[in-house]
Amino acid sequence: FRRLRASLKGRVDDFHLRADYDFGLVEGWRGLYVQYRGFKRTRITVGQMVAPFSLDDLMSSNDMTFMERSLGSALSPGMLLGASYQTWGKHWTATVGVYGNELNDQDRRDADGTSVIGRVTWA
């Protein structure tokens, strides 16, 4: 299998929970986080999530124009463990977070690190 995932989602009041485990080529946890949505136009997320670096990793492979993701996606951090803050308006979004290494990369990691990553979009 290239990709086989088990996914669990839940909601308790303003808290949204997600757990995705991949049994495919790169086995391990994908999304594993708790998100708070109790404030207007705000999401606070803690756990392992897609880093807000590019939009490629946020798009489903079912909706992509090409067969594979772009080179920018290959060079981006992908899934990371950390905390993020997201807000938006009518024509814009902004996300910033503090991240460490992902949960599953112990064998691939050359060095430990902490990152501050952000993305602002305008449409």
C-alpha atoms as a PDB file:
ATOM      1  CA  PHE A   1       0.000   0.000   0.000  1.00  0.00           C
ATOM      2  CA  ARG A   2       1.213   3.483  -0.767  1.00  0.00           C
ATOM      3  CA  ARG A   3      -1.243   4.984   1.720  1.00  0.00           C
ATOM      4  CA  LEU A   4      -3.601   3.387   4.220  1.00  0.00           C
ATOM      5  CA  ARG A   5      -4.805   5.572   7.078  1.00  0.00           C
ATOM      6  CA  ALA A   6      -6.992   5.110  10.113  1.00  0.00           C
ATOM      7  CA  SER A   7      -8.611   8.358  11.227  1.00  0.00           C
ATOM      8  CA  LEU A   8     -10.551   9.388  14.305  1.00  0.00           C
ATOM      9  CA  LYS A   9     -12.219  12.777  14.755  1.00  0.00           C
ATOM     10  CA  GLY A  10     -14.263  14.089  17.633  1.00  0.00           C
ATOM     11  CA  ARG A  11     -15.659  17.222  19.216  1.00  0.00           C
ATOM     12  CA  VAL A  12     -16.353  18.198  22.800  1.00  0.00           C
ATOM     13  CA  ASP A  13     -17.868  21.685  23.070  1.00  0.00           C
ATOM     14  CA  ASP A  14     -15.300  24.045  21.481  1.00  0.00           C
ATOM     15  CA  PHE A  15     -12.518  21.428  21.372  1.00  0.00           C
ATOM     16  CA  HIS A  16     -11.931  19.465  18.164  1.00  0.00           C
ATOM     17  CA  LEU A  17      -9.787  16.318  18.301  1.00  0.00           C
ATOM     18  CA  ARG A  18      -8.077  14.470  15.457  1.00  0.00           C
ATOM     19  CA  ALA A  19      -5.887  11.365  15.262  1.00  0.00           C
ATOM     20  CA  ASP A  20      -4.616   9.934  11.934  1.00  0.00           C
ATOM     21  CA  TYR A  21      -2.274   6.954  11.701  1.00  0.00           C
ATOM     22  CA  ASP A  22      -0.660   5.981   8.380  1.00  0.00           C
ATOM     23  CA  PHE A  23       0.027   2.278   7.731  1.00  0.00           C
ATOM     24  CA  GLY A  24       1.499   2.928   4.257  1.00  0.00           C
ATOM     25  CA  LEU A  25       5.067   3.411   2.993  1.00  0.00           C
ATOM     26  CA  VAL A  26       5.945   5.928   5.721  1.00  0.00           C
ATOM     27  CA  GLU A  27       4.241   4.438   8.766  1.00  0.00           C
ATOM     28  CA  GLY A  28       3.424   6.640  11.732  1.00  0.00           C
ATOM     29  CA  TRP A  29       1.219   9.377  13.134  1.00  0.00           C
ATOM     30  CA  ARG A  30       0.101  12.097  10.733  1.00  0.00           C
ATOM     31  CA  GLY A  31      -2.363  14.497  12.350  1.00  0.00           C
ATOM     32  CA  LEU A  32      -2.590  14.095  16.118  1.00  0.00           C
ATOM     33  CA  TYR A  33      -3.906  17.254  17.737  1.00  0.00           C
ATOM     34  CA  VAL A  34      -6.443  19.127  19.839  1.00  0.00           C
ATOM     35  CA  GLN A  35      -7.865  22.378  18.455  1.00  0.00           C
ATOM     36  CA  TYR A  36      -9.752  25.045  20.405  1.00  0.00           C
ATOM     37  CA  ARG A  37     -12.401  27.022  18.455  1.00  0.00           C
ATOM     38  CA  GLY A  38     -14.065  28.970  21.283  1.00  0.00           C
ATOM     39  CA  PHE A  39     -12.961  32.448  20.125  1.00  0.00           C
ATOM     40  CA  LYS A  40     -14.427  34.218  17.096  1.00  0.00           C
ATOM     41  CA  ARG A  41     -12.310  33.717  13.905  1.00  0.00           C
ATOM     42  CA  THR A  42      -9.575  31.957  15.867  1.00  0.00           C
ATOM     43  CA  ARG A  43      -8.166  28.433  16.083  1.00  0.00           C
ATOM     44  CA  ILE A  44      -5.522  27.394  18.594  1.00  0.00           C
ATOM     45  CA  THR A  45      -4.004  23.991  17.853  1.00  0.00           C
ATOM     46  CA  VAL A  46      -1.617  21.842  19.915  1.00  0.00           C
ATOM     47  CA  GLY A  47      -0.112  18.553  18.705  1.00  0.00           C
ATOM     48  CA  GLN A  48       1.274  17.190  15.442  1.00  0.00           C
ATOM     49  CA  MET A  49      -0.063  19.059  12.416  1.00  0.00           C
ATOM     50  CA  VAL A  50       0.854  20.353   8.963  1.00  0.00           C
ATOM     51  CA  ALA A  51       3.255  23.274   9.394  1.00  0.00           C
ATOM     52  CA  PRO A  52       1.882  26.535   7.881  1.00  0.00           C
ATOM     53  CA  PHE A  53       4.624  26.780   5.260  1.00  0.00           C
ATOM     54  CA  SER A  54       2.928  26.254   1.896  1.00  0.00           C
ATOM     55  CA  LEU A  55      -0.565  25.419   0.716  1.00  0.00           C
ATOM     56  CA  ASP A  56       0.485  22.176  -1.055  1.00  0.00           C
ATOM     57  CA  ASP A  57       0.336  20.001   2.057  1.00  0.00           C
ATOM     58  CA  LEU A  58      -3.087  21.345   3.029  1.00  0.00           C
ATOM     59  CA  MET A  59      -4.667  20.286  -0.275  1.00  0.00           C
ATOM     60  CA  SER A  60      -6.094  16.798  -0.726  1.00  0.00           C
ATOM     61  CA  SER A  61      -4.346  14.704  -3.383  1.00  0.00           C
ATOM     62  CA  ASN A  62      -7.829  14.124  -4.858  1.00  0.00           C
ATOM     63  CA  ASP A  63      -8.062  17.823  -5.800  1.00  0.00           C
ATOM     64  CA  MET A  64      -4.559  18.427  -7.191  1.00  0.00           C
ATOM     65  CA  THR A  65      -4.033  19.474 -10.803  1.00  0.00           C
ATOM     66  CA  PHE A  66      -0.879  17.399 -11.272  1.00  0.00           C
ATOM     67  CA  MET A  67       0.038  13.832 -10.231  1.00  0.00           C
ATOM     68  CA  GLU A  68       2.452  14.893  -7.506  1.00  0.00           C
ATOM     69  CA  ARG A  69       3.002  17.861  -5.224  1.00  0.00           C
ATOM     70  CA  SER A  70       5.423  20.648  -6.173  1.00  0.00           C
ATOM     71  CA  LEU A  71       9.147  20.866  -5.383  1.00  0.00           C
ATOM     72  CA  GLY A  72       8.282  23.495  -2.773  1.00  0.00           C
ATOM     73  CA  SER A  73       6.309  20.845  -0.912  1.00  0.00           C
ATOM     74  CA  ALA A  74       9.279  18.464  -0.986  1.00  0.00           C
ATOM     75  CA  LEU A  75      11.457  21.134   0.632  1.00  0.00           C
ATOM     76  CA  SER A  76       8.878  22.227   3.218  1.00  0.00           C
ATOM     77  CA  PRO A  77       8.785  20.808   6.751  1.00  0.00           C
ATOM     78  CA  GLY A  78       5.462  18.939   6.397  1.00  0.00           C
ATOM     79  CA  MET A  79       4.169  17.505   9.682  1.00  0.00           C
ATOM     80  CA  LEU A  80       5.621  18.964  12.885  1.00  0.00           C
ATOM     81  CA  LEU A  81       4.829  18.785  16.590  1.00  0.00           C
ATOM     82  CA  GLY A  82       3.964  22.125  18.184  1.00  0.00           C
ATOM     83  CA  ALA A  83       1.364  24.819  18.817  1.00  0.00           C
ATOM     84  CA  SER A  84      -0.227  27.261  16.357  1.00  0.00           C
ATOM     85  CA  TYR A  85      -2.544  30.261  16.277  1.00  0.00           C
ATOM     86  CA  GLN A  86      -4.742  30.933  13.223  1.00  0.00           C
ATOM     87  CA  THR A  87      -7.053  33.837  12.439  1.00  0.00           C
ATOM     88  CA  TRP A  88      -8.791  35.121   9.305  1.00  0.00           C
ATOM     89  CA  GLY A  89     -10.897  37.848   7.788  1.00  0.00           C
ATOM     90  CA  LYS A  90     -13.005  38.195   4.646  1.00  0.00           C
ATOM     91  CA  HIS A  91     -10.032  38.169   2.242  1.00  0.00           C
ATOM     92  CA  TRP A  92      -7.057  37.019   4.325  1.00  0.00           C
ATOM     93  CA  THR A  93      -5.692  34.335   6.649  1.00  0.00           C
ATOM     94  CA  ALA A  94      -2.744  34.357   9.048  1.00  0.00           C
ATOM     95  CA  THR A  95      -1.163  31.432  10.894  1.00  0.00           C
ATOM     96  CA  VAL A  96       1.898  31.332  13.149  1.00  0.00           C
ATOM     97  CA  GLY A  97       3.294  28.551  15.286  1.00  0.00           C
ATOM     98  CA  VAL A  98       6.217  27.191  17.259  1.00  0.00           C
ATOM     99  CA  TYR A  99       7.275  23.683  16.264  1.00  0.00           C
ATOM    100  CA  GLY A 100       9.731  20.935  17.083  1.00  0.00           C
ATOM    101  CA  ASN A 101      10.410  17.649  15.323  1.00  0.00           C
ATOM    102  CA  GLU A 102       7.607  15.393  14.164  1.00  0.00           C
ATOM    103  CA  LEU A 103       6.697  12.335  16.228  1.00  0.00           C
ATOM    104  CA  ASN A 104       7.793   9.732  13.661  1.00  0.00           C
ATOM    105  CA  ASP A 105      11.156  10.940  12.346  1.00  0.00           C
ATOM    106  CA  GLN A 106      13.548   9.537  14.970  1.00  0.00           C
ATOM    107  CA  ASP A 107      15.382   7.376  12.402  1.00  0.00           C
ATOM    108  CA  ARG A 108      15.600  10.118   9.747  1.00  0.00           C
ATOM    109  CA  ARG A 109      16.556  13.037  11.975  1.00  0.00           C
ATOM    110  CA  ASP A 110      20.098  14.453  11.762  1.00  0.00           C
ATOM    111  CA  ALA A 111      19.586  17.242  14.325  1.00  0.00           C
ATOM    112  CA  ASP A 112      16.934  18.411  16.757  1.00  0.00           C
ATOM    113  CA  GLY A 113      15.478  21.848  16.360  1.00  0.00           C
ATOM    114  CA  THR A 114      12.745  24.334  17.132  1.00  0.00           C
ATOM    115  CA  SER A 115      11.150  26.537  14.480  1.00  0.00           C
ATOM    116  CA  VAL A 116       8.837  29.511  14.291  1.00  0.00           C
ATOM    117  CA  ILE A 117       6.816  29.243  11.086  1.00  0.00           C
ATOM    118  CA  GLY A 118       4.085  31.491   9.730  1.00  0.00           C
ATOM    119  CA  ARG A 119       1.980  32.059   6.624  1.00  0.00           C
ATOM    120  CA  VAL A 120      -0.190  34.987   5.525  1.00  0.00           C
ATOM    121  CA  THR A 121      -2.522  34.736   2.526  1.00  0.00           C
ATOM    122  CA  TRP A 122      -4.631  37.303   0.705  1.00  0.00           C
ATOM    123  CA  ALA A 123      -7.332  36.597  -1.862  1.00  0.00           C
END
